[in-house]
Amino acid sequence: MAARRAEKYEIKATQHASGDARLLAETMPRLILESRRIAATVIHGLHGRKRAGPGENFWQYRRFLSGEPARRVDWRRSARDGILYVREQEWEAAHTVWLWPDRSPSMVFTSSLAQESKLDRTLVIAFALAEVLVQAGERVGVPGLMRPTGSRNVLDKFANAIVHDVTERTSLPPAFAPSGLSEIVAISDFWSPIAEVRKTLSQLSSTGAHGHVVQVVDPAEETFPYSGRIEFIEPEGGGSITAGRAEAWKAEYETRVAQHRAAIRAETDKLGWSFTIHRTDRAATELLLALHARLGAPPPGVVVSGRSRAASQVGGGA
């Protein structure tokens, strides 16, 4: 019964977010979209960019990654030295951005300090970003849900894929093998154990893909505005715990949150990825603009036009 209610909520949130995303995407200044297109052209080159994907010409062999379909293995090449290899084809096409919005039960949380849930905000941002990127000539995909597409109705495809998705809603992105020239945007509350977060980010970056980690949180998850006797329930099967005087937990809670975020930031810094924190009581436009500015930018230390561009931490609270 609880699962059915969660499914109905997700469908309603998807439909609501789809409409809000269109409005949000329309507010993006056309000059910014044009400058994004020009910047991407300068950074990646004026001609077709070689990358793995559908095509006729062989590009490279790479090692098979855990979680990939077995049909992708090139058994003849793998038999030579006992290592599983995947044969990739050359794909000269637009830049591909993989978007992954967390739709697990913890994202439904909404406190009195926010007007929408983490799930609502996550879907709005993911949908709007997909719309903006496709308008800029990019291809957008969702791992395990939607193949990369540059279709003008990407938002409808994205929303329909979510509504009809029958797989388990996991808290972290599934294992997959993005092209080394693609980008990944993972939007979640990232309250999973740090060991699981590290393992996931390590796998996603193993092919050389650049990424952006976005932690979406309710303001109550940062400020801990609780006092008196409070029962806290973990929405993903972790049980519950009751605090006699919740206000006495505030200092330790804030310390643990800071430590968890420091560990995530250390991992993203090591990989050359960006890390952004966004609260649902802030404008969605802030996060969309921050992500739009970061997508296509070279990783820290990469020299462009004689200058080294360092990654700036932009976005509410990052």
C-alpha atoms as a PDB file:
ATOM      1  CA  MET A   1       0.000   0.000   0.000  1.00  0.00           C
ATOM      2  CA  ALA A   2       2.820   2.402   0.897  1.00  0.00           C
ATOM      3  CA  ALA A   3       4.611   1.568  -2.350  1.00  0.00           C
ATOM      4  CA  ARG A   4       1.424   2.278  -4.308  1.00  0.00           C
ATOM      5  CA  ARG A   5       1.033   5.666  -2.629  1.00  0.00           C
ATOM      6  CA  ALA A   6       4.663   6.504  -3.397  1.00  0.00           C
ATOM      7  CA  GLU A   7       4.130   5.535  -7.053  1.00  0.00           C
ATOM      8  CA  LYS A   8       1.065   7.775  -7.320  1.00  0.00           C
ATOM      9  CA  TYR A   9       2.974  10.649  -5.731  1.00  0.00           C
ATOM     10  CA  GLU A  10       5.836  10.243  -8.196  1.00  0.00           C
ATOM     11  CA  ILE A  11       3.477  10.338 -11.186  1.00  0.00           C
ATOM     12  CA  LYS A  12       1.804  13.473  -9.846  1.00  0.00           C
ATOM     13  CA  ALA A  13       5.188  15.084  -9.128  1.00  0.00           C
ATOM     14  CA  THR A  14       6.414  14.207 -12.628  1.00  0.00           C
ATOM     15  CA  GLN A  15       3.415  15.828 -14.283  1.00  0.00           C
ATOM     16  CA  HIS A  16       3.720  18.921 -12.091  1.00  0.00           C
ATOM     17  CA  ALA A  17       7.478  19.200 -12.613  1.00  0.00           C
ATOM     18  CA  SER A  18       7.101  18.840 -16.368  1.00  0.00           C
ATOM     19  CA  GLY A  19       4.966  21.975 -16.545  1.00  0.00           C
ATOM     20  CA  ASP A  20       7.176  23.934 -14.151  1.00  0.00           C
ATOM     21  CA  ALA A  21      10.287  22.881 -16.060  1.00  0.00           C
ATOM     22  CA  ARG A  22       8.935  24.338 -19.290  1.00  0.00           C
ATOM     23  CA  LEU A  23       8.282  27.646 -17.576  1.00  0.00           C
ATOM     24  CA  LEU A  24      11.712  27.608 -15.957  1.00  0.00           C
ATOM     25  CA  ALA A  25      13.469  26.764 -19.218  1.00  0.00           C
ATOM     26  CA  GLU A  26      11.665  29.605 -20.962  1.00  0.00           C
ATOM     27  CA  THR A  27      13.062  32.080 -18.430  1.00  0.00           C
ATOM     28  CA  MET A  28      16.645  31.255 -19.409  1.00  0.00           C
ATOM     29  CA  PRO A  29      18.039  34.244 -21.312  1.00  0.00           C
ATOM     30  CA  ARG A  30      18.526  33.503 -24.996  1.00  0.00           C
ATOM     31  CA  LEU A  31      21.914  35.194 -24.870  1.00  0.00           C
ATOM     32  CA  ILE A  32      23.078  32.678 -22.292  1.00  0.00           C
ATOM     33  CA  LEU A  33      21.908  29.807 -24.472  1.00  0.00           C
ATOM     34  CA  GLU A  34      23.764  31.270 -27.444  1.00  0.00           C
ATOM     35  CA  SER A  35      26.933  31.894 -25.426  1.00  0.00           C
ATOM     36  CA  ARG A  36      26.737  28.296 -24.153  1.00  0.00           C
ATOM     37  CA  ARG A  37      26.580  27.006 -27.718  1.00  0.00           C
ATOM     38  CA  ILE A  38      29.493  29.163 -28.810  1.00  0.00           C
ATOM     39  CA  ALA A  39      31.589  28.231 -25.764  1.00  0.00           C
ATOM     40  CA  ALA A  40      30.978  24.530 -26.396  1.00  0.00           C
ATOM     41  CA  THR A  41      32.033  24.968 -30.018  1.00  0.00           C
ATOM     42  CA  VAL A  42      35.271  26.686 -29.003  1.00  0.00           C
ATOM     43  CA  ILE A  43      36.128  24.148 -26.310  1.00  0.00           C
ATOM     44  CA  HIS A  44      35.275  20.975 -28.216  1.00  0.00           C
ATOM     45  CA  GLY A  45      36.158  22.039 -31.753  1.00  0.00           C
ATOM     46  CA  LEU A  46      34.178  23.106 -34.783  1.00  0.00           C
ATOM     47  CA  HIS A  47      33.962  19.672 -36.380  1.00  0.00           C
ATOM     48  CA  GLY A  48      32.321  16.435 -35.284  1.00  0.00           C
ATOM     49  CA  ARG A  49      33.769  15.147 -32.027  1.00  0.00           C
ATOM     50  CA  LYS A  50      34.850  11.526 -31.879  1.00  0.00           C
ATOM     51  CA  ARG A  51      33.188   9.565 -29.112  1.00  0.00           C
ATOM     52  CA  ALA A  52      31.771   6.137 -28.462  1.00  0.00           C
ATOM     53  CA  GLY A  53      28.264   5.394 -29.652  1.00  0.00           C
ATOM     54  CA  PRO A  54      26.216   4.155 -32.607  1.00  0.00           C
ATOM     55  CA  GLY A  55      28.234   4.240 -35.812  1.00  0.00           C
ATOM     56  CA  GLU A  56      29.929   2.215 -38.503  1.00  0.00           C
ATOM     57  CA  ASN A  57      33.616   2.821 -37.764  1.00  0.00           C
ATOM     58  CA  PHE A  58      35.538   1.081 -34.992  1.00  0.00           C
ATOM     59  CA  TRP A  59      36.897   3.477 -32.369  1.00  0.00           C
ATOM     60  CA  GLN A  60      38.412   1.520 -29.490  1.00  0.00           C
ATOM     61  CA  TYR A  61      38.249  -1.425 -27.123  1.00  0.00           C
ATOM     62  CA  ARG A  62      37.667  -0.792 -23.465  1.00  0.00           C
ATOM     63  CA  ARG A  63      37.279  -3.112 -20.494  1.00  0.00           C
ATOM     64  CA  PHE A  64      33.853  -4.459 -19.645  1.00  0.00           C
ATOM     65  CA  LEU A  65      32.357  -2.814 -16.536  1.00  0.00           C
ATOM     66  CA  SER A  66      30.297  -4.580 -13.905  1.00  0.00           C
ATOM     67  CA  GLY A  67      26.599  -3.976 -14.444  1.00  0.00           C
ATOM     68  CA  GLU A  68      26.757  -3.704 -18.250  1.00  0.00           C
ATOM     69  CA  PRO A  69      24.702  -6.083 -20.445  1.00  0.00           C
ATOM     70  CA  ALA A  70      26.708  -9.175 -21.404  1.00  0.00           C
ATOM     71  CA  ARG A  71      25.694  -8.706 -25.058  1.00  0.00           C
ATOM     72  CA  ARG A  72      28.110  -5.773 -25.279  1.00  0.00           C
ATOM     73  CA  VAL A  73      31.151  -8.016 -24.749  1.00  0.00           C
ATOM     74  CA  ASP A  74      33.373  -8.654 -27.777  1.00  0.00           C
ATOM     75  CA  TRP A  75      34.050 -12.328 -27.058  1.00  0.00           C
ATOM     76  CA  ARG A  76      36.636 -12.808 -29.830  1.00  0.00           C
ATOM     77  CA  ARG A  77      38.831  -9.945 -28.552  1.00  0.00           C
ATOM     78  CA  SER A  78      38.264 -10.981 -24.928  1.00  0.00           C
ATOM     79  CA  ALA A  79      39.435 -14.541 -25.590  1.00  0.00           C
ATOM     80  CA  ARG A  80      42.948 -13.357 -26.501  1.00  0.00           C
ATOM     81  CA  ASP A  81      44.067 -12.551 -22.961  1.00  0.00           C
ATOM     82  CA  GLY A  82      41.193 -13.593 -20.718  1.00  0.00           C
ATOM     83  CA  ILE A  83      39.913 -10.058 -20.052  1.00  0.00           C
ATOM     84  CA  LEU A  84      36.418  -8.970 -21.034  1.00  0.00           C
ATOM     85  CA  TYR A  85      36.394  -6.151 -23.611  1.00  0.00           C
ATOM     86  CA  VAL A  86      33.656  -4.047 -25.181  1.00  0.00           C
ATOM     87  CA  ARG A  87      33.996  -2.900 -28.784  1.00  0.00           C
ATOM     88  CA  GLU A  88      33.050   0.777 -29.167  1.00  0.00           C
ATOM     89  CA  GLN A  89      32.169   2.462 -32.418  1.00  0.00           C
ATOM     90  CA  GLU A  90      33.009   6.005 -33.464  1.00  0.00           C
ATOM     91  CA  TRP A  91      30.162   8.472 -33.087  1.00  0.00           C
ATOM     92  CA  GLU A  92      30.475  11.952 -34.514  1.00  0.00           C
ATOM     93  CA  ALA A  93      27.559  13.765 -32.939  1.00  0.00           C
ATOM     94  CA  ALA A  94      26.615  16.453 -30.469  1.00  0.00           C
ATOM     95  CA  HIS A  95      27.852  16.435 -26.897  1.00  0.00           C
ATOM     96  CA  THR A  96      25.980  13.935 -24.675  1.00  0.00           C
ATOM     97  CA  VAL A  97      24.886  14.807 -21.140  1.00  0.00           C
ATOM     98  CA  TRP A  98      23.582  12.047 -18.879  1.00  0.00           C
ATOM     99  CA  LEU A  99      21.038  13.261 -16.307  1.00  0.00           C
ATOM    100  CA  TRP A 100      20.137  11.180 -13.286  1.00  0.00           C
ATOM    101  CA  PRO A 101      17.421  12.449 -10.886  1.00  0.00           C
ATOM    102  CA  ASP A 102      17.081  10.574  -7.595  1.00  0.00           C
ATOM    103  CA  ARG A 103      13.495   9.310  -7.245  1.00  0.00           C
ATOM    104  CA  SER A 104      13.958   7.181  -4.122  1.00  0.00           C
ATOM    105  CA  PRO A 105      11.542   7.441  -1.144  1.00  0.00           C
ATOM    106  CA  SER A 106      13.776   9.854   0.822  1.00  0.00           C
ATOM    107  CA  MET A 107      13.265  12.491  -1.882  1.00  0.00           C
ATOM    108  CA  VAL A 108       9.556  12.826  -1.007  1.00  0.00           C
ATOM    109  CA  PHE A 109      10.420  14.563   2.285  1.00  0.00           C
ATOM    110  CA  THR A 110       9.068  18.102   2.696  1.00  0.00           C
ATOM    111  CA  SER A 111       9.312  20.170   5.870  1.00  0.00           C
ATOM    112  CA  SER A 112       7.295  23.236   6.828  1.00  0.00           C
ATOM    113  CA  LEU A 113      10.313  25.334   5.792  1.00  0.00           C
ATOM    114  CA  ALA A 114       9.900  24.467   2.092  1.00  0.00           C
ATOM    115  CA  GLN A 115       6.993  24.640  -0.337  1.00  0.00           C
ATOM    116  CA  GLU A 116       7.942  21.596  -2.397  1.00  0.00           C
ATOM    117  CA  SER A 117       9.610  18.257  -1.885  1.00  0.00           C
ATOM    118  CA  LYS A 118      13.142  17.350  -2.867  1.00  0.00           C
ATOM    119  CA  LEU A 119      11.649  15.112  -5.548  1.00  0.00           C
ATOM    120  CA  ASP A 120       9.636  17.970  -7.062  1.00  0.00           C
ATOM    121  CA  ARG A 121      12.681  20.237  -7.182  1.00  0.00           C
ATOM    122  CA  THR A 122      14.935  17.482  -8.559  1.00  0.00           C
ATOM    123  CA  LEU A 123      12.530  16.666 -11.386  1.00  0.00           C
ATOM    124  CA  VAL A 124      11.997  20.334 -12.267  1.00  0.00           C
ATOM    125  CA  ILE A 125      15.747  20.892 -12.550  1.00  0.00           C
ATOM    126  CA  ALA A 126      16.350  17.687 -14.519  1.00  0.00           C
ATOM    127  CA  PHE A 127      13.530  18.420 -16.956  1.00  0.00           C
ATOM    128  CA  ALA A 128      14.482  22.067 -17.424  1.00  0.00           C
ATOM    129  CA  LEU A 129      18.149  21.198 -17.917  1.00  0.00           C
ATOM    130  CA  ALA A 130      17.207  18.597 -20.542  1.00  0.00           C
ATOM    131  CA  GLU A 131      15.092  21.169 -22.365  1.00  0.00           C
ATOM    132  CA  VAL A 132      17.813  23.823 -22.287  1.00  0.00           C
ATOM    133  CA  LEU A 133      20.560  21.434 -23.404  1.00  0.00           C
ATOM    134  CA  VAL A 134      18.580  20.122 -26.359  1.00  0.00           C
ATOM    135  CA  GLN A 135      17.785  23.690 -27.410  1.00  0.00           C
ATOM    136  CA  ALA A 136      21.532  24.310 -27.359  1.00  0.00           C
ATOM    137  CA  GLY A 137      22.110  21.362 -29.709  1.00  0.00           C
ATOM    138  CA  GLU A 138      23.180  18.755 -27.148  1.00  0.00           C
ATOM    139  CA  ARG A 139      22.013  15.177 -26.645  1.00  0.00           C
ATOM    140  CA  VAL A 140      20.499  14.126 -23.329  1.00  0.00           C
ATOM    141  CA  GLY A 141      20.135  10.646 -21.869  1.00  0.00           C
ATOM    142  CA  VAL A 142      19.045   9.074 -18.584  1.00  0.00           C
ATOM    143  CA  PRO A 143      21.037   5.972 -17.516  1.00  0.00           C
ATOM    144  CA  GLY A 144      18.851   2.892 -17.450  1.00  0.00           C
ATOM    145  CA  LEU A 145      15.818   4.870 -18.574  1.00  0.00           C
ATOM    146  CA  MET A 146      16.275   6.854 -21.801  1.00  0.00           C
ATOM    147  CA  ARG A 147      18.831   6.612 -24.602  1.00  0.00           C
ATOM    148  CA  PRO A 148      20.623   9.851 -25.586  1.00  0.00           C
ATOM    149  CA  THR A 149      18.404  12.017 -27.758  1.00  0.00           C
ATOM    150  CA  GLY A 150      18.449  15.461 -29.275  1.00  0.00           C
ATOM    151  CA  SER A 151      14.705  15.430 -29.919  1.00  0.00           C
ATOM    152  CA  ARG A 152      12.860  18.696 -29.385  1.00  0.00           C
ATOM    153  CA  ASN A 153      10.250  16.852 -27.343  1.00  0.00           C
ATOM    154  CA  VAL A 154      12.891  15.530 -24.944  1.00  0.00           C
ATOM    155  CA  LEU A 155      10.897  16.731 -21.944  1.00  0.00           C
ATOM    156  CA  ASP A 156       7.892  14.613 -22.910  1.00  0.00           C
ATOM    157  CA  LYS A 157      10.133  11.596 -23.565  1.00  0.00           C
ATOM    158  CA  PHE A 158      11.835  12.083 -20.199  1.00  0.00           C
ATOM    159  CA  ALA A 159       8.559  12.446 -18.276  1.00  0.00           C
ATOM    160  CA  ASN A 160       6.929   9.466 -20.009  1.00  0.00           C
ATOM    161  CA  ALA A 161       9.964   7.293 -19.309  1.00  0.00           C
ATOM    162  CA  ILE A 162       9.681   8.081 -15.603  1.00  0.00           C
ATOM    163  CA  VAL A 163       5.929   7.543 -15.432  1.00  0.00           C
ATOM    164  CA  HIS A 164       6.238   4.115 -17.066  1.00  0.00           C
ATOM    165  CA  ASP A 165       9.387   3.031 -15.234  1.00  0.00           C
ATOM    166  CA  VAL A 166       8.793  -0.178 -13.267  1.00  0.00           C
ATOM    167  CA  THR A 167      12.303  -0.573 -11.828  1.00  0.00           C
ATOM    168  CA  GLU A 168      13.295   0.011  -8.215  1.00  0.00           C
ATOM    169  CA  ARG A 169      13.918   3.651  -7.242  1.00  0.00           C
ATOM    170  CA  THR A 170      17.517   3.579  -6.042  1.00  0.00           C
ATOM    171  CA  SER A 171      19.249   6.311  -4.038  1.00  0.00           C
ATOM    172  CA  LEU A 172      22.342   6.371  -6.269  1.00  0.00           C
ATOM    173  CA  PRO A 173      22.843   6.184 -10.057  1.00  0.00           C
ATOM    174  CA  PRO A 174      23.026   2.708 -11.622  1.00  0.00           C
ATOM    175  CA  ALA A 175      26.312   1.409 -12.966  1.00  0.00           C
ATOM    176  CA  PHE A 176      26.799   2.196 -16.641  1.00  0.00           C
ATOM    177  CA  ALA A 177      29.645   3.101 -18.983  1.00  0.00           C
ATOM    178  CA  PRO A 178      29.367   6.666 -20.324  1.00  0.00           C
ATOM    179  CA  SER A 179      31.684   7.827 -23.083  1.00  0.00           C
ATOM    180  CA  GLY A 180      34.855   9.462 -21.860  1.00  0.00           C
ATOM    181  CA  LEU A 181      33.792  12.646 -23.638  1.00  0.00           C
ATOM    182  CA  SER A 182      30.303  12.831 -22.121  1.00  0.00           C
ATOM    183  CA  GLU A 183      29.162  14.540 -18.921  1.00  0.00           C
ATOM    184  CA  ILE A 184      27.061  13.275 -16.025  1.00  0.00           C
ATOM    185  CA  VAL A 185      24.746  15.289 -13.782  1.00  0.00           C
ATOM    186  CA  ALA A 186      23.635  13.329 -10.703  1.00  0.00           C
ATOM    187  CA  ILE A 187      20.942  15.089  -8.639  1.00  0.00           C
ATOM    188  CA  SER A 188      20.144  13.526  -5.260  1.00  0.00           C
ATOM    189  CA  ASP A 189      20.102  14.230  -1.535  1.00  0.00           C
ATOM    190  CA  PHE A 190      23.218  12.010  -1.324  1.00  0.00           C
ATOM    191  CA  TRP A 191      22.489  10.907   2.238  1.00  0.00           C
ATOM    192  CA  SER A 192      23.639   7.374   1.357  1.00  0.00           C
ATOM    193  CA  PRO A 193      26.625   5.967   3.301  1.00  0.00           C
ATOM    194  CA  ILE A 194      29.792   7.677   2.071  1.00  0.00           C
ATOM    195  CA  ALA A 195      31.357   4.333   1.082  1.00  0.00           C
ATOM    196  CA  GLU A 196      28.478   3.756  -1.353  1.00  0.00           C
ATOM    197  CA  VAL A 197      28.778   7.294  -2.716  1.00  0.00           C
ATOM    198  CA  ARG A 198      32.520   6.858  -3.314  1.00  0.00           C
ATOM    199  CA  LYS A 199      31.984   3.511  -5.054  1.00  0.00           C
ATOM    200  CA  THR A 200      29.301   4.967  -7.337  1.00  0.00           C
ATOM    201  CA  LEU A 201      31.300   8.039  -8.326  1.00  0.00           C
ATOM    202  CA  SER A 202      34.398   5.935  -8.929  1.00  0.00           C
ATOM    203  CA  GLN A 203      32.480   3.636 -11.272  1.00  0.00           C
ATOM    204  CA  LEU A 204      30.841   6.488 -13.197  1.00  0.00           C
ATOM    205  CA  SER A 205      34.175   8.231 -13.722  1.00  0.00           C
ATOM    206  CA  SER A 206      36.092   5.062 -14.668  1.00  0.00           C
ATOM    207  CA  THR A 207      35.743   5.758 -18.409  1.00  0.00           C
ATOM    208  CA  GLY A 208      37.000   9.325 -18.037  1.00  0.00           C
ATOM    209  CA  ALA A 209      33.608  11.045 -18.147  1.00  0.00           C
ATOM    210  CA  HIS A 210      33.347  14.408 -16.392  1.00  0.00           C
ATOM    211  CA  GLY A 211      30.562  14.877 -13.857  1.00  0.00           C
ATOM    212  CA  HIS A 212      28.596  17.144 -11.601  1.00  0.00           C
ATOM    213  CA  VAL A 213      27.217  16.086  -8.224  1.00  0.00           C
ATOM    214  CA  VAL A 214      24.222  18.088  -6.975  1.00  0.00           C
ATOM    215  CA  GLN A 215      22.960  17.579  -3.430  1.00  0.00           C
ATOM    216  CA  VAL A 216      19.352  18.742  -3.092  1.00  0.00           C
ATOM    217  CA  VAL A 217      18.260  19.134   0.521  1.00  0.00           C
ATOM    218  CA  ASP A 218      15.288  20.399   2.464  1.00  0.00           C
ATOM    219  CA  PRO A 219      16.203  23.390   4.694  1.00  0.00           C
ATOM    220  CA  ALA A 220      15.242  21.342   7.752  1.00  0.00           C
ATOM    221  CA  GLU A 221      17.960  18.838   6.861  1.00  0.00           C
ATOM    222  CA  GLU A 222      20.519  21.616   7.275  1.00  0.00           C
ATOM    223  CA  THR A 223      19.127  23.669  10.153  1.00  0.00           C
ATOM    224  CA  PHE A 224      17.637  20.819  12.268  1.00  0.00           C
ATOM    225  CA  PRO A 225      14.795  23.000  13.633  1.00  0.00           C
ATOM    226  CA  TYR A 226      13.461  20.385  16.039  1.00  0.00           C
ATOM    227  CA  SER A 227      12.905  20.446  19.770  1.00  0.00           C
ATOM    228  CA  GLY A 228      11.163  18.326  22.365  1.00  0.00           C
ATOM    229  CA  ARG A 229      10.216  14.694  21.872  1.00  0.00           C
ATOM    230  CA  ILE A 230      10.477  13.829  18.160  1.00  0.00           C
ATOM    231  CA  GLU A 231      10.345  10.505  16.324  1.00  0.00           C
ATOM    232  CA  PHE A 232      12.567  10.407  13.245  1.00  0.00           C
ATOM    233  CA  ILE A 233      11.653   7.802  10.616  1.00  0.00           C
ATOM    234  CA  GLU A 234      14.081   6.628   7.918  1.00  0.00           C
ATOM    235  CA  PRO A 235      11.972   6.377   4.712  1.00  0.00           C
ATOM    236  CA  GLU A 236      14.019   3.641   3.053  1.00  0.00           C
ATOM    237  CA  GLY A 237      13.760   0.829   5.551  1.00  0.00           C
ATOM    238  CA  GLY A 238      16.199   2.094   8.172  1.00  0.00           C
ATOM    239  CA  GLY A 239      13.682   2.066  11.027  1.00  0.00           C
ATOM    240  CA  SER A 240      13.024   4.943  13.414  1.00  0.00           C
ATOM    241  CA  ILE A 241      14.539   6.616  16.463  1.00  0.00           C
ATOM    242  CA  THR A 242      12.986   8.847  19.115  1.00  0.00           C
ATOM    243  CA  ALA A 243      14.721  11.844  20.646  1.00  0.00           C
ATOM    244  CA  GLY A 244      13.580  12.941  24.100  1.00  0.00           C
ATOM    245  CA  ARG A 245      15.076  16.396  23.631  1.00  0.00           C
ATOM    246  CA  ALA A 246      15.751  16.791  19.928  1.00  0.00           C
ATOM    247  CA  GLU A 247      17.437  20.181  20.385  1.00  0.00           C
ATOM    248  CA  ALA A 248      20.268  18.405  22.229  1.00  0.00           C
ATOM    249  CA  TRP A 249      21.131  16.561  19.009  1.00  0.00           C
ATOM    250  CA  LYS A 250      21.567  19.678  16.878  1.00  0.00           C
ATOM    251  CA  ALA A 251      25.321  20.223  17.343  1.00  0.00           C
ATOM    252  CA  GLU A 252      26.266  16.595  16.671  1.00  0.00           C
ATOM    253  CA  TYR A 253      23.881  16.451  13.711  1.00  0.00           C
ATOM    254  CA  GLU A 254      25.429  19.532  12.099  1.00  0.00           C
ATOM    255  CA  THR A 255      28.910  18.086  12.624  1.00  0.00           C
ATOM    256  CA  ARG A 256      27.976  14.831  10.925  1.00  0.00           C
ATOM    257  CA  VAL A 257      26.379  16.638   7.978  1.00  0.00           C
ATOM    258  CA  ALA A 258      29.530  18.747   7.557  1.00  0.00           C
ATOM    259  CA  GLN A 259      31.733  15.626   7.688  1.00  0.00           C
ATOM    260  CA  HIS A 260      29.572  13.809   5.146  1.00  0.00           C
ATOM    261  CA  ARG A 261      29.689  16.734   2.728  1.00  0.00           C
ATOM    262  CA  ALA A 262      33.424  17.166   3.200  1.00  0.00           C
ATOM    263  CA  ALA A 263      33.900  13.516   2.251  1.00  0.00           C
ATOM    264  CA  ILE A 264      31.763  13.938  -0.898  1.00  0.00           C
ATOM    265  CA  ARG A 265      33.641  17.103  -1.849  1.00  0.00           C
ATOM    266  CA  ALA A 266      36.991  15.362  -1.334  1.00  0.00           C
ATOM    267  CA  GLU A 267      35.881  12.587  -3.699  1.00  0.00           C
ATOM    268  CA  THR A 268      34.603  14.963  -6.390  1.00  0.00           C
ATOM    269  CA  ASP A 269      37.776  17.059  -6.124  1.00  0.00           C
ATOM    270  CA  LYS A 270      39.871  13.927  -6.593  1.00  0.00           C
ATOM    271  CA  LEU A 271      37.899  13.033  -9.729  1.00  0.00           C
ATOM    272  CA  GLY A 272      37.849  16.581 -11.091  1.00  0.00           C
ATOM    273  CA  TRP A 273      34.052  16.730 -10.763  1.00  0.00           C
ATOM    274  CA  SER A 274      32.007  19.632  -9.404  1.00  0.00           C
ATOM    275  CA  PHE A 275      29.926  19.537  -6.213  1.00  0.00           C
ATOM    276  CA  THR A 276      26.930  21.812  -5.611  1.00  0.00           C
ATOM    277  CA  ILE A 277      24.558  22.047  -2.657  1.00  0.00           C
ATOM    278  CA  HIS A 278      21.040  23.310  -3.303  1.00  0.00           C
ATOM    279  CA  ARG A 279      18.263  23.947  -0.764  1.00  0.00           C
ATOM    280  CA  THR A 280      14.642  23.666  -1.789  1.00  0.00           C
ATOM    281  CA  ASP A 281      13.829  27.019  -0.208  1.00  0.00           C
ATOM    282  CA  ARG A 282      16.078  28.694  -2.797  1.00  0.00           C
ATOM    283  CA  ALA A 283      15.013  29.540  -6.340  1.00  0.00           C
ATOM    284  CA  ALA A 284      15.300  26.691  -8.819  1.00  0.00           C
ATOM    285  CA  THR A 285      16.698  29.195 -11.315  1.00  0.00           C
ATOM    286  CA  GLU A 286      19.871  29.536  -9.211  1.00  0.00           C
ATOM    287  CA  LEU A 287      20.730  25.871  -9.598  1.00  0.00           C
ATOM    288  CA  LEU A 288      19.801  25.737 -13.276  1.00  0.00           C
ATOM    289  CA  LEU A 289      22.039  28.696 -14.085  1.00  0.00           C
ATOM    290  CA  ALA A 290      24.912  27.243 -12.039  1.00  0.00           C
ATOM    291  CA  LEU A 291      24.701  23.874 -13.796  1.00  0.00           C
ATOM    292  CA  HIS A 292      24.316  25.495 -17.193  1.00  0.00           C
ATOM    293  CA  ALA A 293      27.526  27.463 -16.597  1.00  0.00           C
ATOM    294  CA  ARG A 294      29.454  24.378 -15.523  1.00  0.00           C
ATOM    295  CA  LEU A 295      28.396  22.015 -18.293  1.00  0.00           C
ATOM    296  CA  GLY A 296      30.993  21.982 -21.039  1.00  0.00           C
ATOM    297  CA  ALA A 297      33.565  23.819 -18.927  1.00  0.00           C
ATOM    298  CA  PRO A 298      36.964  22.080 -18.765  1.00  0.00           C
ATOM    299  CA  PRO A 299      37.856  20.239 -15.538  1.00  0.00           C
ATOM    300  CA  PRO A 300      40.163  21.966 -13.017  1.00  0.00           C
ATOM    301  CA  GLY A 301      43.701  22.389 -14.337  1.00  0.00           C
ATOM    302  CA  VAL A 302      42.779  22.200 -18.031  1.00  0.00           C
ATOM    303  CA  VAL A 303      44.221  25.116 -19.985  1.00  0.00           C
ATOM    304  CA  VAL A 304      41.916  26.946 -22.386  1.00  0.00           C
ATOM    305  CA  SER A 305      43.231  29.869 -24.476  1.00  0.00           C
ATOM    306  CA  GLY A 306      46.371  30.056 -22.388  1.00  0.00           C
ATOM    307  CA  ARG A 307      44.571  30.248 -19.051  1.00  0.00           C
ATOM    308  CA  SER A 308      43.888  27.583 -16.440  1.00  0.00           C
ATOM    309  CA  ARG A 309      40.261  27.509 -15.452  1.00  0.00           C
ATOM    310  CA  ALA A 310      39.590  26.398 -11.904  1.00  0.00           C
ATOM    311  CA  ALA A 311      36.201  24.981 -10.981  1.00  0.00           C
ATOM    312  CA  SER A 312      34.200  27.400  -8.851  1.00  0.00           C
ATOM    313  CA  GLN A 313      31.695  26.112  -6.345  1.00  0.00           C
ATOM    314  CA  VAL A 314      28.473  27.833  -7.368  1.00  0.00           C
ATOM    315  CA  GLY A 315      24.939  27.345  -6.166  1.00  0.00           C
ATOM    316  CA  GLY A 316      22.984  27.782  -2.966  1.00  0.00           C
ATOM    317  CA  GLY A 317      25.313  26.940  -0.105  1.00  0.00           C
ATOM    318  CA  ALA A 318      28.003  25.163  -2.113  1.00  0.00           C
END
